[in-house]
Amino acid sequence: MYAVLLFVLAGLAEISGGYLIWVWLRESRPFWFGLSGGILLMLYGVIAAFQVFPSFGRVYAAYGGVFIVMSVLWGWLVDRKTPDMYDWIGAAVCLIGVSIMLWAPRQ
C-alpha cells in the first residue's frame, strides 16, 4: 500500500503541477499559477524517490503507467473531457504492465 500511495501522491504532484503551468501559459493565469506548478513538479521528483523498490528505472517505468491512468482521470474530472472506451482499455493495459513490472516473482 505504501508504494501505491507514493505513486498516487507523485502523480497528483506531477499532473497538478503540469496543469498549473499549462493554464498559466495557455490561459494567461497569474504568475503564481506557474510558480506553484513548478514547485509541485519539483515535489513530484522528491516523492517518487521515497519508493522502496531498488531499481530507479523500474520505479519510473511503473510510475509512467500509473501516470497515464491518473492523467485520464484528471482529464475526466478536472478538465471535463470524458474518456472513451479506448482510453479505458489503454489505462487498463498500463496497470497490468505496472503490476507485472513491480510484483512479478523474480529470483
C-alpha atoms as a PDB file:
ATOM      1  CA  MET A   1       0.000   0.000   0.000  1.00  0.00           C
ATOM      2  CA  TYR A   2       2.937   2.332   0.700  1.00  0.00           C
ATOM      3  CA  ALA A   3       4.121   2.032  -2.906  1.00  0.00           C
ATOM      4  CA  VAL A   4       0.632   2.719  -4.274  1.00  0.00           C
ATOM      5  CA  LEU A   5       0.237   5.761  -2.001  1.00  0.00           C
ATOM      6  CA  LEU A   6       3.574   7.168  -3.178  1.00  0.00           C
ATOM      7  CA  PHE A   7       2.634   6.592  -6.830  1.00  0.00           C
ATOM      8  CA  VAL A   8      -0.666   8.426  -6.313  1.00  0.00           C
ATOM      9  CA  LEU A   9       0.948  11.322  -4.432  1.00  0.00           C
ATOM     10  CA  ALA A  10       3.688  11.650  -7.043  1.00  0.00           C
ATOM     11  CA  GLY A  11       1.077  11.519  -9.798  1.00  0.00           C
ATOM     12  CA  LEU A  12      -1.033  14.224  -8.184  1.00  0.00           C
ATOM     13  CA  ALA A  13       2.022  16.439  -7.756  1.00  0.00           C
ATOM     14  CA  GLU A  14       3.183  15.960 -11.348  1.00  0.00           C
ATOM     15  CA  ILE A  15      -0.203  16.270 -13.026  1.00  0.00           C
ATOM     16  CA  SER A  16      -1.384  19.237 -10.960  1.00  0.00           C
ATOM     17  CA  GLY A  17       1.997  20.942 -11.399  1.00  0.00           C
ATOM     18  CA  GLY A  18       1.922  20.461 -15.147  1.00  0.00           C
ATOM     19  CA  TYR A  19      -1.702  21.591 -15.263  1.00  0.00           C
ATOM     20  CA  LEU A  20      -0.950  24.808 -13.352  1.00  0.00           C
ATOM     21  CA  ILE A  21       1.877  25.645 -15.742  1.00  0.00           C
ATOM     22  CA  TRP A  22      -0.393  24.789 -18.678  1.00  0.00           C
ATOM     23  CA  VAL A  23      -3.164  27.179 -17.562  1.00  0.00           C
ATOM     24  CA  TRP A  24      -0.633  29.875 -16.619  1.00  0.00           C
ATOM     25  CA  LEU A  25       0.904  29.879 -20.099  1.00  0.00           C
ATOM     26  CA  ARG A  26      -2.085  28.986 -22.269  1.00  0.00           C
ATOM     27  CA  GLU A  27      -4.862  30.778 -20.414  1.00  0.00           C
ATOM     28  CA  SER A  28      -2.875  33.787 -19.154  1.00  0.00           C
ATOM     29  CA  ARG A  29      -3.377  32.993 -15.487  1.00  0.00           C
ATOM     30  CA  PRO A  30      -1.334  34.862 -12.843  1.00  0.00           C
ATOM     31  CA  PHE A  31       2.365  34.102 -12.395  1.00  0.00           C
ATOM     32  CA  TRP A  32       1.752  32.285  -9.114  1.00  0.00           C
ATOM     33  CA  PHE A  33      -0.007  29.520 -11.086  1.00  0.00           C
ATOM     34  CA  GLY A  34       3.229  28.823 -12.942  1.00  0.00           C
ATOM     35  CA  LEU A  35       5.359  29.145  -9.818  1.00  0.00           C
ATOM     36  CA  SER A  36       3.086  26.805  -7.867  1.00  0.00           C
ATOM     37  CA  GLY A  37       3.188  24.356 -10.754  1.00  0.00           C
ATOM     38  CA  GLY A  38       6.985  24.418 -10.770  1.00  0.00           C
ATOM     39  CA  ILE A  39       7.109  23.741  -7.039  1.00  0.00           C
ATOM     40  CA  LEU A  40       4.694  20.825  -7.392  1.00  0.00           C
ATOM     41  CA  LEU A  41       6.774  19.358 -10.225  1.00  0.00           C
ATOM     42  CA  MET A  42       9.866  19.545  -8.039  1.00  0.00           C
ATOM     43  CA  LEU A  43       7.934  17.906  -5.189  1.00  0.00           C
ATOM     44  CA  TYR A  44       6.922  15.087  -7.544  1.00  0.00           C
ATOM     45  CA  GLY A  45      10.576  14.152  -8.009  1.00  0.00           C
ATOM     46  CA  VAL A  46      11.126  14.091  -4.265  1.00  0.00           C
ATOM     47  CA  ILE A  47       8.042  11.955  -3.564  1.00  0.00           C
ATOM     48  CA  ALA A  48       8.974   9.393  -6.211  1.00  0.00           C
ATOM     49  CA  ALA A  49      12.422   8.993  -4.634  1.00  0.00           C
ATOM     50  CA  PHE A  50      10.839   7.515  -1.482  1.00  0.00           C
ATOM     51  CA  GLN A  51       9.757   4.330  -3.286  1.00  0.00           C
ATOM     52  CA  VAL A  52      11.104   1.174  -1.667  1.00  0.00           C
ATOM     53  CA  PHE A  53      11.857  -0.653  -4.919  1.00  0.00           C
ATOM     54  CA  PRO A  54      15.616  -0.866  -5.525  1.00  0.00           C
ATOM     55  CA  SER A  55      15.659  -0.042  -9.238  1.00  0.00           C
ATOM     56  CA  PHE A  56      15.262   3.571 -10.384  1.00  0.00           C
ATOM     57  CA  GLY A  57      14.391   2.516 -13.931  1.00  0.00           C
ATOM     58  CA  ARG A  58      11.753   0.032 -12.842  1.00  0.00           C
ATOM     59  CA  VAL A  59      10.125   2.505 -10.460  1.00  0.00           C
ATOM     60  CA  TYR A  60       9.963   5.264 -13.043  1.00  0.00           C
ATOM     61  CA  ALA A  61       8.734   2.919 -15.782  1.00  0.00           C
ATOM     62  CA  ALA A  62       5.993   1.622 -13.492  1.00  0.00           C
ATOM     63  CA  TYR A  63       5.159   5.154 -12.401  1.00  0.00           C
ATOM     64  CA  GLY A  64       4.675   6.022 -16.081  1.00  0.00           C
ATOM     65  CA  GLY A  65       1.784   3.559 -16.233  1.00  0.00           C
ATOM     66  CA  VAL A  66       0.232   4.995 -13.083  1.00  0.00           C
ATOM     67  CA  PHE A  67       0.712   8.496 -14.510  1.00  0.00           C
ATOM     68  CA  ILE A  68      -1.201   7.539 -17.660  1.00  0.00           C
ATOM     69  CA  VAL A  69      -4.175   6.252 -15.661  1.00  0.00           C
ATOM     70  CA  MET A  70      -4.176   9.304 -13.405  1.00  0.00           C
ATOM     71  CA  SER A  71      -3.935  11.620 -16.422  1.00  0.00           C
ATOM     72  CA  VAL A  72      -7.036  10.025 -17.941  1.00  0.00           C
ATOM     73  CA  LEU A  73      -8.855  10.526 -14.633  1.00  0.00           C
ATOM     74  CA  TRP A  74      -7.594  14.122 -14.340  1.00  0.00           C
ATOM     75  CA  GLY A  75      -8.822  14.900 -17.845  1.00  0.00           C
ATOM     76  CA  TRP A  76     -12.208  13.468 -16.962  1.00  0.00           C
ATOM     77  CA  LEU A  77     -12.676  15.022 -13.510  1.00  0.00           C
ATOM     78  CA  VAL A  78     -10.810  18.337 -13.789  1.00  0.00           C
ATOM     79  CA  ASP A  79     -10.635  19.144 -17.499  1.00  0.00           C
ATOM     80  CA  ARG A  80     -14.113  17.707 -18.170  1.00  0.00           C
ATOM     81  CA  LYS A  81     -13.017  15.577 -21.148  1.00  0.00           C
ATOM     82  CA  THR A  82     -14.820  12.246 -20.996  1.00  0.00           C
ATOM     83  CA  PRO A  83     -12.522   9.292 -21.746  1.00  0.00           C
ATOM     84  CA  ASP A  84     -13.737   6.878 -24.402  1.00  0.00           C
ATOM     85  CA  MET A  85     -13.533   3.098 -24.411  1.00  0.00           C
ATOM     86  CA  TYR A  86     -10.029   3.137 -25.897  1.00  0.00           C
ATOM     87  CA  ASP A  87      -8.768   5.460 -23.161  1.00  0.00           C
ATOM     88  CA  TRP A  88     -10.031   2.997 -20.527  1.00  0.00           C
ATOM     89  CA  ILE A  89      -8.610  -0.025 -22.358  1.00  0.00           C
ATOM     90  CA  GLY A  90      -5.239   1.699 -22.664  1.00  0.00           C
ATOM     91  CA  ALA A  91      -5.304   2.641 -18.982  1.00  0.00           C
ATOM     92  CA  ALA A  92      -6.102  -0.957 -18.006  1.00  0.00           C
ATOM     93  CA  VAL A  93      -3.234  -2.261 -20.141  1.00  0.00           C
ATOM     94  CA  CYS A  94      -0.907   0.191 -18.388  1.00  0.00           C
ATOM     95  CA  LEU A  95      -1.995  -1.009 -14.939  1.00  0.00           C
ATOM     96  CA  ILE A  96      -1.456  -4.614 -15.969  1.00  0.00           C
ATOM     97  CA  GLY A  97       2.037  -3.678 -17.161  1.00  0.00           C
ATOM     98  CA  VAL A  98       2.788  -1.849 -13.914  1.00  0.00           C
ATOM     99  CA  SER A  99       1.667  -4.858 -11.874  1.00  0.00           C
ATOM    100  CA  ILE A 100       3.863  -7.215 -13.878  1.00  0.00           C
ATOM    101  CA  MET A 101       6.897  -4.938 -13.594  1.00  0.00           C
ATOM    102  CA  LEU A 102       6.640  -4.360  -9.858  1.00  0.00           C
ATOM    103  CA  TRP A 103       5.249  -7.570  -8.420  1.00  0.00           C
ATOM    104  CA  ALA A 104       6.316 -10.385 -10.754  1.00  0.00           C
ATOM    105  CA  PRO A 105       8.257 -13.101  -8.925  1.00  0.00           C
ATOM    106  CA  ARG A 106      11.963 -12.618  -9.516  1.00  0.00           C
ATOM    107  CA  GLN A 107      14.958 -14.639  -8.445  1.00  0.00           C
END
